[in-house]
Amino acid sequence: MRELAALGDYFAFALAASALAGSIQALTRHRPQCTAAALALGSELMGIGRLRGQGTFAARPFFVRRTCCLYYRVPGGGMCGDCVLRHRAARGRNA
């Protein structure tokens, strides 16, 4: 990925955390009976290494990142569903 764009490790792990949360959210939508186990595993994984502190699972929205990827600055872009700027009130819950 570094050959394509300058991206610091911190932001790379923030994006990885977002992808992990999105996978967990998709699983819980399609297999509601797995929700508790998926959230427990997700919370455990989010506490490991550089994923630690990258975001918070919340009720609504499902996940909130601690950082903004700045995609909203790209022409035609917008704020991501788990953007910290979009969900300031949810930031810090369930940390």
Foldseek 3Di string as FASTA:
>chain_A
DCVVDPDDPLVVLLVVLVVLLVVLVVCCVVPVVCNVVSVVVSVVVCCDDSSPQQWAQDDPPRIAGPAFPCQCVPVVGRGDRRYCVVCVVRGPPRD
